[in-house]
Amino acid sequence: MHHVLTPKNSTHRQYEALRALFVGKLDLEDAARRFGHTSGVLRNLRVAVLKQPDRPFFLPDRVQRAHLVIMIGSIRHKALRNNWTSKRSGSGG
């Protein structure tokens, strides 16, 4: 349970700080301090959430997206290469 109360991931810390503001009714300074943010950063996060309340909060991070793009590119490359190889071997040359 300790890992839930003291998140290490920055996105998780942001989420918990915002939750403390909106649900837990902590003031901005306390929530920022508790989750390792400055009050300015947390204020900006709060404004962003209030401006776009329907936006998804947890999105894949850049590394996950990069790995996905590389994986898809690799799969596509192998499929194209296999298609090209099978056409060449089928034509006898």
Protein backbone atom coordinates (compact mmCIF):
# COMPACT_ATOMS: atom_id res chain seq x y z
CA MET A 1 0.00 0.00 0.00
CA HIS A 2 2.98 2.31 0.57
CA HIS A 3 3.67 2.58 -3.21
CA VAL A 4 0.17 3.95 -3.75
CA LEU A 5 0.60 6.61 -1.10
CA THR A 6 4.06 7.68 -2.30
CA PRO A 7 4.07 7.37 -6.11
CA LYS A 8 7.46 7.46 -7.85
CA ASN A 9 6.23 7.92 -11.44
CA SER A 10 5.84 11.60 -12.34
CA THR A 11 2.47 11.12 -14.06
CA HIS A 12 1.17 9.22 -11.04
CA ARG A 13 2.42 12.01 -8.72
CA GLN A 14 0.66 14.61 -10.87
CA TYR A 15 -2.55 12.60 -10.80
CA GLU A 16 -2.43 12.14 -7.03
CA ALA A 17 -1.66 15.82 -6.46
CA LEU A 18 -4.63 16.85 -8.61
CA ARG A 19 -6.81 14.29 -6.85
CA ALA A 20 -5.73 15.72 -3.50
CA LEU A 21 -6.75 19.17 -4.74
CA PHE A 22 -10.09 18.29 -6.27
CA VAL A 23 -11.26 15.35 -4.15
CA GLY A 24 -9.27 15.58 -0.96
CA LYS A 25 -9.70 19.35 -0.75
CA LEU A 26 -6.05 19.93 0.17
CA ASP A 27 -4.85 23.43 -0.53
CA LEU A 28 -2.48 23.95 -3.43
CA GLU A 29 0.66 24.46 -1.32
CA ASP A 30 0.11 21.29 0.73
CA ALA A 31 -0.72 19.13 -2.28
CA ALA A 32 2.31 20.41 -4.17
CA ARG A 33 4.65 19.78 -1.25
CA ARG A 34 3.18 16.34 -0.50
CA PHE A 35 3.69 15.08 -4.07
CA GLY A 36 6.99 16.77 -4.88
CA HIS A 37 5.84 19.65 -7.06
CA THR A 38 6.16 23.39 -6.82
CA SER A 39 2.95 25.31 -6.31
CA GLY A 40 3.43 26.91 -9.75
CA VAL A 41 3.62 23.55 -11.53
CA LEU A 42 0.56 22.26 -9.71
CA ARG A 43 -1.32 25.49 -10.44
CA ASN A 44 -0.56 25.07 -14.16
CA LEU A 45 -1.70 21.43 -14.04
CA ARG A 46 -4.93 22.45 -12.35
CA VAL A 47 -5.60 25.12 -14.99
CA ALA A 48 -4.91 22.61 -17.80
CA VAL A 49 -7.35 20.11 -16.31
CA LEU A 50 -10.01 22.75 -15.80
CA LYS A 51 -9.62 23.94 -19.42
CA GLN A 52 -9.86 20.40 -20.84
CA PRO A 53 -11.70 18.26 -18.28
CA ASP A 54 -12.41 15.45 -20.76
CA ARG A 55 -8.86 14.89 -21.96
CA PRO A 56 -7.36 11.52 -21.02
CA PHE A 57 -4.86 11.94 -18.23
CA PHE A 58 -2.81 8.77 -18.59
CA LEU A 59 -1.35 8.53 -22.07
CA PRO A 60 1.50 6.28 -23.18
CA ASP A 61 4.79 7.98 -22.48
CA ARG A 62 7.24 8.83 -25.26
CA VAL A 63 9.34 5.72 -24.71
CA GLN A 64 6.33 3.41 -24.99
CA ARG A 65 5.17 5.22 -28.15
CA ALA A 66 8.68 5.06 -29.63
CA HIS A 67 8.92 1.32 -28.97
CA LEU A 68 5.50 0.82 -30.55
CA VAL A 69 6.50 2.79 -33.66
CA ILE A 70 9.75 0.81 -33.97
CA MET A 71 7.90 -2.49 -33.52
CA ILE A 72 5.26 -1.60 -36.13
CA GLY A 73 7.96 -0.43 -38.53
CA SER A 74 9.89 -3.66 -38.05
CA ILE A 75 6.80 -5.79 -38.64
CA ARG A 76 5.93 -3.81 -41.77
CA HIS A 77 9.50 -4.08 -43.08
CA LYS A 78 9.53 -7.88 -42.57
CA ALA A 79 6.16 -8.24 -44.29
CA LEU A 80 7.30 -6.18 -47.28
CA ARG A 81 10.59 -8.08 -47.47
CA ASN A 82 8.80 -11.46 -47.29
CA ASN A 83 6.34 -10.36 -49.98
CA TRP A 84 9.18 -9.19 -52.23
CA THR A 85 11.18 -12.41 -51.62
CA SER A 86 8.20 -14.65 -52.37
CA LYS A 87 7.47 -12.77 -55.61
CA ARG A 88 11.09 -13.13 -56.71
CA SER A 89 11.25 -16.86 -55.91
CA GLY A 90 7.88 -17.43 -57.62
CA SER A 91 9.06 -15.76 -60.82
CA GLY A 92 12.10 -18.03 -61.06
CA GLY A 93 14.66 -15.31 -60.77
